[in-house]
Amino acid sequence: MEASTSPDAFAPSVAAKAPETVDGQGPIARDRKPEELVEGNSERDEGYLRRKERSSEAEAFEEEAGNHIVVVVLEIGTSEIRIGFSGDKTPRHRLPAFLSRLVEAGPQPEDLHSPLSLAKTFVGEDAFTAATRAAEEDGCAVGVVAAHPHHPWAVSRESYDNLFVVIDAALERLLEERPQGTEASAREKDDAVGESRDKATSSLPTAEMPWALLAVVPVICDQRLASCLLRWALETRREIFGAVKLIADARMAAYHHLLLLPEDQRSAEKGLLVVDAGETAIRVVPVGGQALTPGTHALQQTEVAGSLLTSLVLLHQEKRGEGTRGTRRGMTWREATQYKEQCCFVSGLVRQPSTDTFLFPEIFFTPQLLRNANLSPIVNSTSQASLTQVILDAFGKGTVCERALWLSRICLVGGTAKLANFATRIRLLVSDDPQLAAFCGASAFGRVAVLDEEAWITREEYEDSAAIPALGRRALRHANLG
């Protein structure tokens, strides 16, 4: 009969195999005094604590260095420019991406018989105000144009010049709004995040400590826009910025969405399906992995978006005779947008867009209604898919395992998503302001982004490079990966 064995029977005899040493590690240690043993253990503990302290100091140094770098967050939308500092809960300035140019009489020198004419540019809300004042006081029509070349009201589909006029104005307002000294507004005094960000923004950028620009761009971004951003920040505004990083809006929207979830559901590996209901298109793209990488191979989109609703409002107004001679002044694009945001809502009822203006958002789910609205010059309604179809198409691009996770992790963002009942119609829960989801995500991500030096294009790299487009391509790669 075999004897039962215990786990200790397989344990090696340490005392028999270990050589005698004099450092307190072998059998000789048994002959040492207790005071010597305690002293040896204390020395080892102190060494471990010193190594741990040095590691903590290194981590703290990196974090402190990141806190001292002022990161400006710039979100470039088709109809609005948003700008602020990393750590801001909301943008400090939001400028509609529109501008108007008026010719005004300048000061008249004594040696001239006719006054000088000076062209003045107005941006944002001031563009619409100046155009309205010119029409009412001087009786002259002044056009307001969109700054972004992808906007329906843009005068050029190729040039980004007008867009950077608005971006430059947004930066100027940010510089003027800079907190003075250690004083903070009453709102910021109650906000710990606001207090910490004021420490970083209490002084203007210098040659030794320039600001860093974190620019939020579309997932599918025009390379010319990337090159223009680098040229504007590192050449035109070189006294302000020392480094630039581009980041995809879908990644930042997903980052913000994950922060709103319970801690046990924040895993980026599970992925999300980002539905961006924007101004010129509705895009659906999966985002996943530790880096929240967009799956551009599965990207789906439709042109039935926010700007189309505004065009419908303006078209409906013209059909009613409003804006013609003898009636009240017609709506501007800004007024039509405000009407859309305040009055339009999503309903499950089928209505004709030409008769029930407030039900225009129904075209997102039933694009066939566009055929009755005579909008062929604006959008090709015969080839546009519904929002639900676009989501299903992107959903079908994933694997079986990915689909199971995406079904409960759909992130709805974009200004159009703010329309009443929009999220209810597709049964999704969204943040309080989905229009600012990408900005809020970038604001929170800014402190982490500064630690990855490889993802930034520095001023020195820009000045030493002879191929700016190559830097633009590198910036776009990091926008979706880094």
Protein backbone atom coordinates (compact mmCIF):
# COMPACT_ATOMS: atom_id res chain seq x y z
CA MET A 1 0.00 0.00 0.00
CA GLU A 2 1.38 3.38 -1.05
CA ALA A 3 1.82 6.04 1.56
CA SER A 4 -0.06 9.28 1.03
CA THR A 5 2.05 12.24 0.06
CA SER A 6 1.60 15.84 1.10
CA PRO A 7 2.41 18.93 -1.01
CA ASP A 8 5.41 19.54 1.23
CA ALA A 9 6.95 16.31 0.06
CA PHE A 10 7.65 17.79 -3.37
CA ALA A 11 9.22 20.99 -1.97
CA PRO A 12 13.01 21.17 -2.46
CA SER A 13 15.23 21.21 0.58
CA VAL A 14 16.42 24.79 0.51
CA ALA A 15 18.63 24.38 3.56
CA ALA A 16 20.47 21.47 1.98
CA LYS A 17 21.12 23.12 -1.39
CA ALA A 18 21.67 26.76 -0.56
CA PRO A 19 25.33 27.74 -0.16
CA GLU A 20 26.52 29.44 2.93
CA THR A 21 26.69 33.18 2.55
CA VAL A 22 27.47 36.12 4.75
CA ASP A 23 24.81 38.51 3.49
CA GLY A 24 21.97 37.20 5.57
CA GLN A 25 20.56 35.02 2.76
CA GLY A 26 21.92 31.57 3.72
CA PRO A 27 22.16 29.32 6.79
CA ILE A 28 24.84 31.54 8.33
CA ALA A 29 22.07 34.06 8.85
CA ARG A 30 20.73 31.83 11.60
CA ASP A 31 23.91 32.45 13.56
CA ARG A 32 23.65 36.23 13.21
CA LYS A 33 22.27 38.44 15.93
CA PRO A 34 18.64 39.61 15.64
CA GLU A 35 19.84 43.23 15.51
CA GLU A 36 21.93 42.45 12.41
CA LEU A 37 19.02 40.73 10.71
CA VAL A 38 16.74 43.68 11.37
CA GLU A 39 19.39 46.06 10.06
CA GLY A 40 19.79 44.04 6.84
CA ASN A 41 16.05 43.96 6.23
CA SER A 42 15.83 47.68 6.90
CA GLU A 43 18.54 48.38 4.32
CA ARG A 44 16.69 46.34 1.69
CA ASP A 45 13.40 48.06 2.55
CA GLU A 46 15.05 51.46 2.33
CA GLY A 47 16.51 50.60 -1.09
CA TYR A 48 13.10 49.50 -2.33
CA LEU A 49 11.49 52.66 -0.99
CA ARG A 50 14.16 54.82 -2.63
CA ARG A 51 13.59 53.12 -6.01
CA LYS A 52 9.84 53.49 -5.62
CA GLU A 53 10.26 57.14 -4.64
CA ARG A 54 12.46 57.83 -7.69
CA SER A 55 9.86 56.15 -9.93
CA SER A 56 7.07 58.21 -8.38
CA GLU A 57 9.14 61.37 -8.77
CA ALA A 58 9.69 60.60 -12.48
CA GLU A 59 5.97 60.03 -13.01
CA ALA A 60 5.16 63.18 -11.08
CA PHE A 61 7.70 65.13 -13.14
CA GLU A 62 6.09 63.97 -16.39
CA GLU A 63 2.64 64.81 -15.06
CA GLU A 64 3.84 68.19 -13.81
CA ALA A 65 5.46 68.89 -17.19
CA GLY A 66 2.16 68.04 -18.87
CA ASN A 67 0.31 70.37 -16.51
CA HIS A 68 2.64 73.25 -17.39
CA ILE A 69 2.02 72.87 -21.12
CA VAL A 70 -1.00 74.93 -22.13
CA VAL A 71 -3.04 72.96 -24.65
CA VAL A 72 -5.48 74.89 -26.85
CA VAL A 73 -8.35 72.72 -28.10
CA LEU A 74 -9.69 73.78 -31.51
CA GLU A 75 -12.67 71.98 -33.05
CA ILE A 76 -13.23 72.77 -36.73
CA GLY A 77 -16.86 72.23 -37.63
CA THR A 78 -18.55 72.91 -40.94
CA SER A 79 -20.79 75.59 -39.43
CA GLU A 80 -19.07 76.47 -36.14
CA ILE A 81 -15.57 76.94 -34.72
CA ARG A 82 -15.08 76.04 -31.06
CA ILE A 83 -11.98 76.92 -29.06
CA GLY A 84 -10.86 76.64 -25.46
CA PHE A 85 -8.21 75.19 -23.17
CA SER A 86 -7.63 71.59 -22.17
CA GLY A 87 -9.65 70.99 -19.02
CA ASP A 88 -12.54 73.25 -20.03
CA LYS A 89 -15.94 71.63 -19.69
CA THR A 90 -17.32 73.78 -22.51
CA PRO A 91 -15.67 75.87 -25.26
CA ARG A 92 -14.67 79.35 -24.20
CA HIS A 93 -15.73 80.71 -27.59
CA ARG A 94 -18.08 79.39 -30.25
CA LEU A 95 -18.03 81.28 -33.54
CA PRO A 96 -20.43 80.49 -36.39
CA ALA A 97 -18.22 79.80 -39.40
CA PHE A 98 -19.62 82.67 -41.47
CA LEU A 99 -18.26 86.03 -42.56
CA SER A 100 -19.32 89.15 -44.43
CA ARG A 101 -17.33 92.02 -45.89
CA LEU A 102 -18.56 95.60 -45.94
CA VAL A 103 -17.02 98.66 -47.55
CA GLU A 104 -17.02 101.59 -45.13
CA ALA A 105 -15.85 105.17 -45.51
CA GLY A 106 -12.53 105.76 -43.84
CA PRO A 107 -11.03 109.00 -42.47
CA GLN A 108 -10.81 111.68 -45.15
CA PRO A 109 -7.40 113.39 -45.51
CA GLU A 110 -7.48 117.14 -46.17
CA ASP A 111 -5.72 116.82 -49.54
CA LEU A 112 -8.31 114.40 -50.94
CA HIS A 113 -11.70 115.41 -52.34
CA SER A 114 -13.32 112.00 -51.92
CA PRO A 115 -13.26 109.83 -48.77
CA LEU A 116 -11.31 106.62 -48.68
CA SER A 117 -13.19 103.33 -48.78
CA LEU A 118 -12.06 100.60 -46.41
CA ALA A 119 -13.16 96.97 -46.54
CA LYS A 120 -14.02 95.50 -43.16
CA THR A 121 -14.57 91.83 -42.41
CA PHE A 122 -17.08 90.61 -39.82
CA VAL A 123 -17.07 87.02 -38.55
CA GLY A 124 -19.44 84.85 -36.53
CA GLU A 125 -22.62 86.45 -35.25
CA ASP A 126 -21.17 89.86 -36.17
CA ALA A 127 -21.35 88.87 -39.85
CA PHE A 128 -25.14 88.50 -39.73
CA THR A 129 -25.57 91.60 -37.55
CA ALA A 130 -23.51 93.75 -39.92
CA ALA A 131 -25.39 92.47 -42.97
CA THR A 132 -28.75 93.17 -41.32
CA ARG A 133 -27.70 96.68 -40.30
CA ALA A 134 -26.46 97.46 -43.80
CA ALA A 135 -29.75 96.30 -45.31
CA GLU A 136 -31.92 98.29 -42.88
CA GLU A 137 -29.89 101.50 -42.63
CA ASP A 138 -28.20 101.81 -46.02
CA GLY A 139 -30.54 99.73 -48.14
CA CYS A 140 -27.68 97.69 -49.58
CA ALA A 141 -27.57 93.92 -49.75
CA VAL A 142 -24.51 92.38 -48.15
CA GLY A 143 -23.97 88.67 -48.58
CA VAL A 144 -23.02 86.42 -45.70
CA VAL A 145 -20.94 83.46 -46.85
CA ALA A 146 -19.88 80.25 -45.14
CA ALA A 147 -16.20 80.01 -44.30
CA HIS A 148 -15.84 76.24 -44.60
CA PRO A 149 -15.49 75.10 -48.23
CA HIS A 150 -17.73 72.06 -47.59
CA HIS A 151 -20.67 74.19 -46.48
CA PRO A 152 -23.51 74.77 -49.01
CA TRP A 153 -23.12 78.56 -48.65
CA ALA A 154 -19.37 78.59 -49.32
CA VAL A 155 -18.20 80.77 -52.21
CA SER A 156 -15.35 78.36 -52.98
CA ARG A 157 -15.15 74.59 -52.69
CA GLU A 158 -11.36 74.62 -52.84
CA SER A 159 -10.04 77.48 -50.70
CA TYR A 160 -9.63 77.42 -46.91
CA ASP A 161 -8.75 81.12 -46.71
CA ASN A 162 -12.11 82.22 -45.29
CA LEU A 163 -12.07 79.40 -42.76
CA PHE A 164 -8.78 80.55 -41.29
CA VAL A 165 -10.07 84.11 -41.05
CA VAL A 166 -12.68 82.78 -38.60
CA ILE A 167 -10.17 80.52 -36.82
CA ASP A 168 -7.79 83.45 -36.42
CA ALA A 169 -10.60 85.56 -34.95
CA ALA A 170 -11.43 82.77 -32.49
CA LEU A 171 -7.80 82.65 -31.33
CA GLU A 172 -7.73 86.43 -30.87
CA ARG A 173 -10.79 86.23 -28.64
CA LEU A 174 -9.16 83.47 -26.62
CA LEU A 175 -6.07 85.61 -26.11
CA GLU A 176 -8.16 88.59 -25.03
CA GLU A 177 -10.21 86.44 -22.63
CA ARG A 178 -7.10 85.14 -20.83
CA PRO A 179 -7.54 85.27 -17.04
CA GLN A 180 -5.61 88.06 -15.37
CA GLY A 181 -3.23 87.09 -12.56
CA THR A 182 -4.77 84.66 -10.11
CA GLU A 183 -8.27 86.10 -10.29
CA ALA A 184 -11.02 83.82 -11.51
CA SER A 185 -14.67 84.23 -12.22
CA ALA A 186 -17.26 83.23 -9.63
CA ARG A 187 -18.13 80.17 -11.67
CA GLU A 188 -14.52 79.01 -11.83
CA LYS A 189 -13.95 79.56 -8.12
CA ASP A 190 -16.54 76.89 -7.45
CA ASP A 191 -14.99 74.59 -10.02
CA ALA A 192 -11.76 72.79 -9.11
CA VAL A 193 -11.06 72.03 -12.74
CA GLY A 194 -11.49 75.68 -13.61
CA GLU A 195 -9.05 76.70 -10.88
CA SER A 196 -6.37 74.30 -12.12
CA ARG A 197 -6.70 75.40 -15.72
CA ASP A 198 -6.35 79.07 -14.73
CA LYS A 199 -2.92 78.28 -13.28
CA ALA A 200 -1.87 77.06 -16.71
CA THR A 201 -3.42 79.93 -18.66
CA SER A 202 -2.51 82.81 -16.38
CA SER A 203 0.29 83.95 -18.71
CA LEU A 204 0.65 84.42 -22.42
CA PRO A 205 2.77 82.00 -24.46
CA THR A 206 6.48 82.76 -24.58
CA ALA A 207 9.43 81.56 -26.64
CA GLU A 208 10.42 79.24 -23.78
CA MET A 209 6.88 77.97 -23.10
CA PRO A 210 4.66 78.19 -26.21
CA TRP A 211 1.17 76.77 -26.34
CA ALA A 212 0.31 73.44 -27.98
CA LEU A 213 -2.59 73.15 -30.44
CA LEU A 214 -4.85 70.08 -30.36
CA ALA A 215 -7.05 70.37 -33.47
CA VAL A 216 -10.16 68.19 -33.82
CA VAL A 217 -10.72 67.26 -37.47
CA PRO A 218 -13.06 64.84 -39.31
CA VAL A 219 -12.21 61.14 -39.54
CA ILE A 220 -11.86 61.52 -43.31
CA CYS A 221 -9.95 64.80 -43.42
CA ASP A 222 -8.76 66.74 -46.46
CA GLN A 223 -4.96 66.71 -46.53
CA ARG A 224 -5.00 70.36 -47.60
CA LEU A 225 -6.73 71.25 -44.34
CA ALA A 226 -4.01 69.43 -42.40
CA SER A 227 -1.26 71.30 -44.27
CA CYS A 228 -3.06 74.63 -43.79
CA LEU A 229 -3.39 73.97 -40.05
CA LEU A 230 0.34 73.30 -39.73
CA ARG A 231 1.21 76.39 -41.76
CA TRP A 232 -1.18 78.61 -39.78
CA ALA A 233 -0.10 77.41 -36.32
CA LEU A 234 3.65 76.95 -36.83
CA GLU A 235 4.32 79.73 -39.32
CA THR A 236 1.62 82.42 -39.24
CA ARG A 237 1.09 82.03 -35.48
CA ARG A 238 4.55 80.77 -34.59
CA GLU A 239 4.79 83.20 -31.67
CA ILE A 240 1.83 81.40 -30.06
CA PHE A 241 2.20 77.69 -30.84
CA GLY A 242 5.18 75.39 -30.54
CA ALA A 243 3.53 72.09 -31.50
CA VAL A 244 0.42 70.80 -33.28
CA LYS A 245 -1.47 67.54 -33.05
CA LEU A 246 -4.53 66.56 -35.09
CA ILE A 247 -7.12 64.23 -33.60
CA ALA A 248 -10.17 62.61 -35.23
CA ASP A 249 -13.54 63.83 -33.99
CA ALA A 250 -14.97 60.29 -33.82
CA ARG A 251 -12.18 59.23 -31.44
CA MET A 252 -12.77 62.16 -29.13
CA ALA A 253 -16.54 61.67 -29.18
CA ALA A 254 -16.01 58.02 -28.23
CA TYR A 255 -13.54 59.06 -25.51
CA HIS A 256 -16.14 61.41 -24.03
CA HIS A 257 -18.85 58.75 -24.31
CA LEU A 258 -16.74 56.20 -22.41
CA LEU A 259 -16.17 58.65 -19.57
CA LEU A 260 -19.95 58.87 -19.10
CA LEU A 261 -20.33 55.10 -18.69
CA PRO A 262 -19.97 53.21 -15.38
CA GLU A 263 -16.40 52.21 -14.61
CA ASP A 264 -17.01 48.53 -15.33
CA GLN A 265 -18.21 49.40 -18.86
CA ARG A 266 -15.41 51.76 -19.97
CA SER A 267 -13.31 49.20 -21.79
CA ALA A 268 -12.20 50.63 -25.14
CA GLU A 269 -11.44 47.13 -26.42
CA LYS A 270 -15.16 46.40 -26.73
CA GLY A 271 -15.49 49.19 -29.28
CA LEU A 272 -18.28 51.64 -30.06
CA LEU A 273 -20.35 52.61 -33.07
CA VAL A 274 -20.15 56.41 -33.45
CA VAL A 275 -23.12 58.05 -35.18
CA ASP A 276 -22.13 61.64 -36.04
CA ALA A 277 -25.18 63.64 -37.12
CA GLY A 278 -23.42 66.72 -38.44
CA GLU A 279 -24.10 69.69 -40.68
CA THR A 280 -23.17 68.33 -44.11
CA ALA A 281 -23.36 64.57 -43.57
CA ILE A 282 -24.33 61.85 -41.13
CA ARG A 283 -21.39 59.47 -40.68
CA VAL A 284 -21.38 56.12 -38.92
CA VAL A 285 -18.01 54.57 -38.08
CA PRO A 286 -16.90 51.89 -35.58
CA VAL A 287 -14.21 52.89 -33.09
CA GLY A 288 -12.30 50.40 -30.96
CA GLY A 289 -9.02 49.21 -29.48
CA GLN A 290 -6.95 50.78 -26.72
CA ALA A 291 -6.19 53.73 -29.03
CA LEU A 292 -9.87 54.08 -30.07
CA THR A 293 -8.92 53.62 -33.72
CA PRO A 294 -11.70 54.37 -36.24
CA GLY A 295 -12.53 51.53 -38.60
CA THR A 296 -12.63 53.63 -41.76
CA HIS A 297 -13.22 50.50 -43.86
CA ALA A 298 -16.71 50.31 -42.33
CA LEU A 299 -17.51 54.04 -42.53
CA GLN A 300 -20.96 54.79 -43.96
CA GLN A 301 -22.54 58.18 -44.59
CA THR A 302 -25.50 60.02 -46.09
CA GLU A 303 -25.86 63.64 -47.22
CA VAL A 304 -29.28 63.95 -45.57
CA ALA A 305 -27.94 66.06 -42.69
CA GLY A 306 -28.42 69.30 -40.76
CA SER A 307 -27.73 71.75 -43.60
CA LEU A 308 -30.45 70.08 -45.65
CA LEU A 309 -33.00 70.88 -42.93
CA THR A 310 -31.94 74.53 -43.03
CA SER A 311 -32.30 74.56 -46.82
CA LEU A 312 -35.80 73.13 -46.42
CA VAL A 313 -36.75 75.90 -44.00
CA LEU A 314 -35.52 78.57 -46.44
CA LEU A 315 -37.27 76.89 -49.36
CA HIS A 316 -40.51 76.66 -47.39
CA GLN A 317 -40.27 80.38 -46.59
CA GLU A 318 -39.86 81.31 -50.27
CA LYS A 319 -42.86 79.20 -51.25
CA ARG A 320 -44.99 81.14 -48.76
CA GLY A 321 -43.85 84.41 -50.31
CA GLU A 322 -41.85 85.58 -47.31
CA GLY A 323 -38.74 87.49 -48.22
CA THR A 324 -40.04 88.85 -51.54
CA ARG A 325 -40.56 92.54 -52.29
CA GLY A 326 -43.28 94.11 -50.15
CA THR A 327 -43.03 91.55 -47.32
CA ARG A 328 -40.82 91.28 -44.29
CA ARG A 329 -37.13 90.65 -44.76
CA GLY A 330 -36.36 87.04 -45.57
CA MET A 331 -34.60 84.71 -43.17
CA THR A 332 -30.84 84.48 -43.12
CA TRP A 333 -29.13 81.13 -42.85
CA ARG A 334 -28.51 81.80 -39.17
CA GLU A 335 -32.19 82.58 -38.49
CA ALA A 336 -33.27 79.47 -40.37
CA THR A 337 -30.82 77.41 -38.32
CA GLN A 338 -32.18 78.85 -35.08
CA TYR A 339 -35.74 78.12 -36.21
CA LYS A 340 -34.71 74.55 -37.01
CA GLU A 341 -33.09 74.07 -33.59
CA GLN A 342 -36.02 75.57 -31.66
CA CYS A 343 -39.07 74.36 -33.59
CA CYS A 344 -38.26 71.21 -35.55
CA PHE A 345 -38.63 67.82 -33.93
CA VAL A 346 -38.59 64.17 -34.89
CA SER A 347 -41.90 62.37 -35.15
CA GLY A 348 -42.94 58.92 -36.24
CA LEU A 349 -45.72 60.39 -38.36
CA VAL A 350 -45.22 60.75 -42.09
CA ARG A 351 -45.75 64.32 -43.26
CA GLN A 352 -44.91 66.28 -46.39
CA PRO A 353 -41.88 68.54 -45.77
CA SER A 354 -43.43 71.31 -47.89
CA THR A 355 -46.46 71.67 -45.61
CA ASP A 356 -45.29 70.85 -42.09
CA THR A 357 -42.01 72.62 -41.49
CA PHE A 358 -41.58 71.45 -37.93
CA LEU A 359 -41.58 67.81 -39.10
CA PHE A 360 -38.68 68.22 -41.52
CA PRO A 361 -36.38 65.93 -39.47
CA GLU A 362 -38.53 63.02 -40.64
CA ILE A 363 -36.46 63.04 -43.85
CA PHE A 364 -33.60 61.46 -41.86
CA PHE A 365 -35.68 58.33 -41.50
CA THR A 366 -37.78 58.61 -44.69
CA PRO A 367 -35.60 60.27 -47.38
CA GLN A 368 -38.25 59.47 -50.00
CA LEU A 369 -40.13 62.52 -48.72
CA LEU A 370 -37.47 64.68 -50.40
CA ARG A 371 -38.93 63.86 -53.80
CA ASN A 372 -42.02 65.87 -52.91
CA ALA A 373 -39.93 68.82 -51.74
CA ASN A 374 -38.36 69.53 -55.15
CA LEU A 375 -34.84 69.56 -53.73
CA SER A 376 -33.02 67.98 -56.66
CA PRO A 377 -30.61 70.97 -56.95
CA ILE A 378 -29.72 70.54 -53.27
CA VAL A 379 -29.50 66.78 -52.83
CA ASN A 380 -30.03 63.70 -54.95
CA SER A 381 -32.88 62.16 -52.96
CA THR A 382 -33.05 59.03 -55.11
CA SER A 383 -29.65 57.81 -53.89
CA GLN A 384 -29.77 58.78 -50.21
CA ALA A 385 -30.20 56.09 -47.56
CA SER A 386 -32.10 56.58 -44.33
CA LEU A 387 -30.30 57.01 -41.02
CA THR A 388 -31.34 53.58 -39.82
CA GLN A 389 -30.10 52.01 -43.06
CA VAL A 390 -26.72 53.72 -42.74
CA ILE A 391 -26.35 52.41 -39.18
CA LEU A 392 -27.27 48.90 -40.30
CA ASP A 393 -24.77 49.06 -43.19
CA ALA A 394 -21.93 50.02 -40.83
CA PHE A 395 -23.14 47.42 -38.34
CA GLY A 396 -22.93 44.75 -41.02
CA LYS A 397 -19.24 45.49 -41.65
CA GLY A 398 -18.26 44.09 -38.26
CA THR A 399 -17.68 40.53 -37.16
CA VAL A 400 -20.25 38.57 -35.18
CA CYS A 401 -18.41 39.28 -31.91
CA GLU A 402 -18.08 43.00 -32.69
CA ARG A 403 -21.76 43.35 -33.54
CA ALA A 404 -22.82 41.92 -30.20
CA LEU A 405 -20.84 44.66 -28.43
CA TRP A 406 -21.79 47.52 -30.76
CA LEU A 407 -25.49 46.86 -30.33
CA SER A 408 -25.39 48.22 -26.78
CA ARG A 409 -22.60 50.77 -27.35
CA ILE A 410 -23.81 53.26 -29.94
CA CYS A 411 -22.49 56.79 -29.44
CA LEU A 412 -24.73 59.52 -30.89
CA VAL A 413 -23.05 62.92 -31.37
CA GLY A 414 -23.39 66.04 -33.50
CA GLY A 415 -25.54 69.16 -33.45
CA THR A 416 -28.39 67.55 -35.39
CA ALA A 417 -28.69 64.94 -32.62
CA LYS A 418 -29.95 67.72 -30.33
CA LEU A 419 -33.27 67.92 -32.19
CA ALA A 420 -36.22 66.97 -30.00
CA ASN A 421 -37.04 63.23 -29.98
CA PHE A 422 -34.07 62.44 -32.25
CA ALA A 423 -32.38 60.09 -29.77
CA THR A 424 -35.73 58.67 -28.68
CA ARG A 425 -36.58 57.72 -32.25
CA ILE A 426 -33.50 55.51 -32.59
CA ARG A 427 -33.64 54.47 -28.91
CA LEU A 428 -30.28 55.80 -27.80
CA LEU A 429 -29.05 57.55 -24.69
CA VAL A 430 -26.77 60.53 -25.34
CA SER A 431 -24.94 63.13 -23.30
CA ASP A 432 -26.56 66.40 -22.30
CA ASP A 433 -25.05 68.20 -25.30
CA PRO A 434 -24.04 65.81 -28.10
CA GLN A 435 -22.93 68.79 -30.19
CA LEU A 436 -20.00 69.32 -27.80
CA ALA A 437 -19.09 65.64 -27.32
CA ALA A 438 -15.99 65.80 -29.52
CA PHE A 439 -14.76 69.02 -27.89
CA CYS A 440 -15.31 67.68 -24.37
CA GLY A 441 -13.47 64.49 -25.25
CA ALA A 442 -10.53 66.45 -26.67
CA SER A 443 -10.50 68.73 -23.63
CA ALA A 444 -10.18 65.72 -21.32
CA PHE A 445 -7.68 64.00 -23.62
CA GLY A 446 -5.39 67.04 -23.88
CA ARG A 447 -3.49 66.33 -20.64
CA VAL A 448 -2.77 62.78 -21.76
CA ALA A 449 -1.87 63.75 -25.32
CA VAL A 450 1.09 65.94 -24.30
CA LEU A 451 2.93 62.89 -22.93
CA ASP A 452 3.12 61.30 -26.40
CA GLU A 453 5.77 63.47 -28.04
CA GLU A 454 5.88 61.40 -31.24
CA ALA A 455 2.29 62.34 -32.10
CA TRP A 456 3.05 66.09 -32.22
CA ILE A 457 4.50 68.15 -35.06
CA THR A 458 6.86 70.68 -33.48
CA ARG A 459 7.86 74.08 -34.76
CA GLU A 460 11.45 72.88 -35.19
CA GLU A 461 10.32 69.95 -37.35
CA TYR A 462 8.21 72.26 -39.47
CA GLU A 463 11.05 74.73 -40.01
CA ASP A 464 13.54 71.97 -40.88
CA SER A 465 11.19 70.13 -43.24
CA ALA A 466 11.16 70.83 -46.96
CA ALA A 467 7.96 68.83 -47.54
CA ILE A 468 5.00 70.26 -45.63
CA PRO A 469 2.51 67.84 -47.28
CA ALA A 470 4.53 64.95 -45.83
CA LEU A 471 4.14 66.43 -42.35
CA GLY A 472 0.43 66.81 -43.05
CA ARG A 473 0.13 63.12 -43.95
CA ARG A 474 1.99 62.17 -40.78
CA ALA A 475 -0.33 64.37 -38.71
CA LEU A 476 -3.38 62.71 -40.27
CA ARG A 477 -2.01 59.23 -39.51
CA HIS A 478 -1.62 60.18 -35.86
CA ALA A 479 -5.10 61.74 -35.92
CA ASN A 480 -6.61 58.27 -36.26
CA LEU A 481 -3.95 56.20 -34.49
CA GLY A 482 -1.87 58.23 -32.02
